Amino acid sequence: MPDIEWNKSWIGNLKEFSRGQLSGDNYGDQWGNPHENKLLIELVEKHIVPFLNSDTCVLEIGCGGGRWTQFFLDCKEVYCVDLNHEMLDYTKERFPGASNLNFIKTNGSDIAGVRNESVDFLFTFGTFVHLDFAIIQSYMENIKPLMKDGGFFSIQFSNKSKPMAKTNPDFSENSPEKMSKLLSGLGFVPQNIDDELLPHSTVISGQYRK
């Protein structure tokens, strides 16, 4: 199963992109451009846009190359968290004029430098699908004190009941039932369990309540 050391290997994938070996205008587009891919366009419309405004403070877990960070540029403050500093460097270079972006390197599930009770919207896509459940649990426990009461979240994770996830060894063992139980126990109340949109994963959106 994908652990922390395994996830450090994404550096090699970024190097392949930099050498022109992967498609897309920006790193991450090789998995689908969210301005062009029908499913990802729908994801943005359902699980990102409704939770944003100019006063929103966003916490993004696993910013990668900024594929989703681009949708937060008009928000008040954005914390971009990633395991690999190379990803943070790439995202900094991609959005050089974005003074509202803060970059945080995690060692696994720690999040330093974010004020308690400051986050209006938690978002992660393409990260939890590759993390063992125990790491996801640790992340959520560390995120809990950072959330504002009434803040929102959209979390994508692996659903091993789906064939595309079941046959992919890089996808962690997870399910909507496990995630719903974990989230609810920490005060993250699921309001939309979207199990139809993506062929390998599920997105849960909802609201945090203290």
Protein backbone atom coordinates (compact mmCIF):
# COMPACT_ATOMS: atom_id res chain seq x y z
CA MET A 1 0.00 0.00 0.00
CA PRO A 2 1.20 3.57 -0.71
CA ASP A 3 3.03 4.99 2.30
CA ILE A 4 4.99 8.20 2.80
CA GLU A 5 8.19 6.91 1.20
CA TRP A 6 6.26 5.68 -1.82
CA ASN A 7 4.69 9.12 -2.29
CA LYS A 8 8.11 10.75 -2.45
CA SER A 9 8.52 9.03 -5.82
CA TRP A 10 6.27 11.63 -7.46
CA ILE A 11 9.43 13.71 -7.84
CA GLY A 12 10.43 11.37 -10.65
CA ASN A 13 7.08 11.95 -12.35
CA LEU A 14 7.63 15.70 -12.18
CA LYS A 15 11.07 15.28 -13.74
CA GLU A 16 9.52 13.30 -16.59
CA PHE A 17 7.11 16.18 -17.21
CA SER A 18 9.96 18.70 -17.14
CA ARG A 19 11.76 16.64 -19.81
CA GLY A 20 8.67 16.77 -22.02
CA GLN A 21 7.86 13.08 -21.56
CA LEU A 22 4.34 13.70 -20.28
CA SER A 23 1.45 15.53 -21.92
CA GLY A 24 -0.17 18.75 -20.80
CA ASP A 25 0.63 22.45 -20.53
CA ASN A 26 1.19 22.15 -16.79
CA TYR A 27 2.19 19.32 -14.48
CA GLY A 28 -0.91 17.36 -13.49
CA ASP A 29 -2.72 17.88 -16.79
CA GLN A 30 -1.60 14.39 -17.82
CA TRP A 31 -4.37 13.10 -15.54
CA GLY A 32 -6.92 15.49 -17.03
CA ASN A 33 -7.16 19.23 -17.54
CA PRO A 34 -9.96 20.50 -15.28
CA HIS A 35 -10.83 23.12 -17.92
CA GLU A 36 -11.30 20.47 -20.62
CA ASN A 37 -12.13 17.12 -19.01
CA LYS A 38 -15.90 16.77 -18.64
CA LEU A 39 -15.78 14.91 -15.31
CA LEU A 40 -13.29 17.34 -13.80
CA ILE A 41 -15.27 20.35 -14.98
CA GLU A 42 -18.27 18.88 -13.15
CA LEU A 43 -16.12 18.28 -10.08
CA VAL A 44 -15.07 21.93 -10.02
CA GLU A 45 -18.67 23.06 -10.38
CA LYS A 46 -20.01 20.75 -7.65
CA HIS A 47 -17.19 20.39 -5.15
CA ILE A 48 -15.10 23.59 -5.38
CA VAL A 49 -16.93 26.65 -6.70
CA PRO A 50 -19.87 26.61 -4.21
CA PHE A 51 -17.47 26.92 -1.27
CA LEU A 52 -15.34 29.84 -2.48
CA ASN A 53 -15.48 33.61 -2.27
CA SER A 54 -13.00 36.45 -1.88
CA ASP A 55 -12.90 35.96 1.92
CA THR A 56 -12.24 32.22 1.87
CA CYS A 57 -9.17 30.73 3.52
CA VAL A 58 -8.33 27.46 1.72
CA LEU A 59 -6.24 24.54 2.93
CA GLU A 60 -5.17 22.31 0.01
CA ILE A 61 -3.57 18.97 0.87
CA GLY A 62 -1.28 17.81 -1.94
CA CYS A 63 -1.08 20.81 -4.25
CA GLY A 64 1.16 18.94 -6.71
CA GLY A 65 1.65 21.20 -9.71
CA GLY A 66 -1.23 23.52 -8.93
CA ARG A 67 -3.88 21.77 -11.03
CA TRP A 68 -6.49 22.70 -8.42
CA THR A 69 -4.68 25.61 -6.78
CA GLN A 70 -5.52 27.68 -9.85
CA PHE A 71 -9.16 27.79 -8.74
CA PHE A 72 -8.22 29.33 -5.39
CA LEU A 73 -6.25 32.31 -6.69
CA ASP A 74 -9.07 34.79 -6.00
CA CYS A 75 -9.49 33.62 -2.40
CA LYS A 76 -8.19 35.58 0.57
CA GLU A 77 -5.58 33.05 1.67
CA VAL A 78 -4.42 29.63 0.45
CA TYR A 79 -2.23 27.12 2.23
CA CYS A 80 -0.63 24.74 -0.26
CA VAL A 81 0.65 21.59 1.46
CA ASP A 82 2.84 18.97 -0.19
CA LEU A 83 5.24 16.21 0.79
CA ASN A 84 7.77 17.14 -1.90
CA HIS A 85 9.38 20.57 -1.96
CA GLU A 86 9.85 20.19 -5.71
CA MET A 87 6.07 20.33 -6.12
CA LEU A 88 5.88 23.45 -3.98
CA ASP A 89 8.65 25.05 -6.03
CA TYR A 90 6.83 24.21 -9.27
CA THR A 91 3.57 25.71 -8.02
CA LYS A 92 5.37 28.87 -6.85
CA GLU A 93 6.85 29.28 -10.33
CA ARG A 94 3.49 28.59 -11.98
CA PHE A 95 1.76 31.41 -10.06
CA PRO A 96 4.53 33.97 -9.48
CA GLY A 97 2.23 36.90 -8.77
CA ALA A 98 -0.06 35.15 -6.29
CA SER A 99 0.73 36.79 -2.95
CA ASN A 100 -2.08 34.90 -1.19
CA LEU A 101 -0.38 31.50 -1.58
CA ASN A 102 1.46 30.03 1.40
CA PHE A 103 3.59 26.93 0.88
CA ILE A 104 3.97 24.24 3.55
CA LYS A 105 6.13 21.15 3.28
CA THR A 106 4.77 18.25 5.29
CA ASN A 107 6.76 15.27 6.48
CA GLY A 108 3.72 13.04 6.20
CA SER A 109 0.64 14.47 7.87
CA ASP A 110 1.95 17.41 9.91
CA ILE A 111 0.83 20.90 8.93
CA ALA A 112 2.91 23.72 10.34
CA GLY A 113 2.11 27.41 10.12
CA VAL A 114 -1.68 27.36 9.77
CA ARG A 115 -3.61 29.22 12.46
CA ASN A 116 -6.14 27.29 14.51
CA GLU A 117 -9.76 27.88 13.50
CA SER A 118 -8.74 29.76 10.35
CA VAL A 119 -9.66 27.42 7.48
CA ASP A 120 -12.95 27.98 5.62
CA PHE A 121 -12.46 25.28 3.00
CA LEU A 122 -10.44 22.08 3.02
CA PHE A 123 -9.76 20.50 -0.36
CA THR A 124 -7.77 17.52 -1.52
CA PHE A 125 -7.77 15.64 -4.81
CA GLY A 126 -5.31 13.06 -6.10
CA THR A 127 -3.60 12.73 -2.71
CA PHE A 128 -5.70 10.67 -0.30
CA VAL A 129 -6.21 8.08 -3.05
CA HIS A 130 -2.50 7.31 -2.66
CA LEU A 131 -2.31 7.37 1.15
CA ASP A 132 -2.78 4.49 3.56
CA PHE A 133 -5.85 4.96 5.73
CA ALA A 134 -3.80 5.49 8.90
CA ILE A 135 -2.06 8.45 7.25
CA ILE A 136 -5.40 9.90 6.16
CA GLN A 137 -6.65 9.58 9.72
CA SER A 138 -3.56 11.38 11.04
CA TYR A 139 -4.04 14.16 8.47
CA MET A 140 -7.67 14.67 9.46
CA GLU A 141 -6.82 14.72 13.17
CA ASN A 142 -4.22 17.42 12.48
CA ILE A 143 -6.61 19.39 10.26
CA LYS A 144 -9.47 19.36 12.79
CA PRO A 145 -8.16 22.20 15.02
CA LEU A 146 -7.40 24.32 11.95
CA MET A 147 -11.01 24.39 10.74
CA LYS A 148 -13.48 27.16 11.44
CA ASP A 149 -16.77 26.04 12.89
CA GLY A 150 -19.03 25.86 9.84
CA GLY A 151 -16.14 25.55 7.41
CA PHE A 152 -16.55 23.32 4.36
CA PHE A 153 -14.58 20.45 2.88
CA SER A 154 -14.32 18.41 -0.32
CA ILE A 155 -12.24 15.25 -0.06
CA GLN A 156 -11.48 12.72 -2.80
CA PHE A 157 -10.34 9.25 -1.79
CA SER A 158 -9.93 5.77 -3.23
CA ASN A 159 -12.95 3.51 -3.47
CA LYS A 160 -11.69 -0.06 -3.72
CA SER A 161 -15.15 -1.37 -4.59
CA LYS A 162 -14.69 0.18 -8.04
CA PRO A 163 -12.77 -1.95 -10.58
CA MET A 164 -10.38 0.85 -11.61
CA ALA A 165 -9.28 1.27 -8.00
CA LYS A 166 -9.39 -2.41 -7.11
CA THR A 167 -6.92 -3.32 -9.86
CA ASN A 168 -4.61 -0.37 -9.17
CA PRO A 169 -2.01 -1.20 -6.49
CA ASP A 170 -1.21 2.50 -6.14
CA PHE A 171 -4.70 3.18 -4.79
CA SER A 172 -5.12 2.67 -1.04
CA GLU A 173 -7.73 0.49 0.66
CA ASN A 174 -10.67 2.76 1.39
CA SER A 175 -14.42 3.11 1.00
CA PRO A 176 -17.19 5.68 1.50
CA GLU A 177 -18.24 3.84 4.65
CA LYS A 178 -14.76 4.02 6.22
CA MET A 179 -14.26 7.67 5.29
CA SER A 180 -17.73 8.71 6.43
CA LYS A 181 -17.15 7.09 9.82
CA LEU A 182 -13.73 8.72 10.20
CA LEU A 183 -14.93 12.16 9.15
CA SER A 184 -18.09 12.10 11.23
CA GLY A 185 -16.14 11.08 14.31
CA LEU A 186 -13.95 14.16 13.96
CA GLY A 187 -16.77 16.64 13.35
CA PHE A 188 -16.59 16.65 9.54
CA VAL A 189 -20.23 16.12 8.64
CA PRO A 190 -20.77 14.56 5.19
CA GLN A 191 -23.50 16.30 3.20
CA ASN A 192 -22.81 14.98 -0.30
CA ILE A 193 -21.26 11.56 -0.89
CA ASP A 194 -20.60 11.67 -4.63
CA ASP A 195 -19.92 8.08 -5.64
CA GLU A 196 -21.03 8.44 -9.26
CA LEU A 197 -18.77 11.10 -10.72
CA LEU A 198 -15.40 9.33 -10.85
CA PRO A 199 -14.66 5.73 -11.99
CA HIS A 200 -12.05 4.97 -9.31
CA SER A 201 -12.83 7.16 -6.32
CA THR A 202 -15.41 9.03 -4.28
CA VAL A 203 -15.72 12.68 -3.27
CA ILE A 204 -17.30 13.63 0.04
CA SER A 205 -18.30 17.26 0.58
CA GLY A 206 -19.67 18.64 3.78
CA GLN A 207 -19.27 20.97 6.73
CA TYR A 208 -17.17 20.95 9.86
CA ARG A 209 -18.92 21.35 13.20
CA LYS A 210 -17.12 21.69 16.52
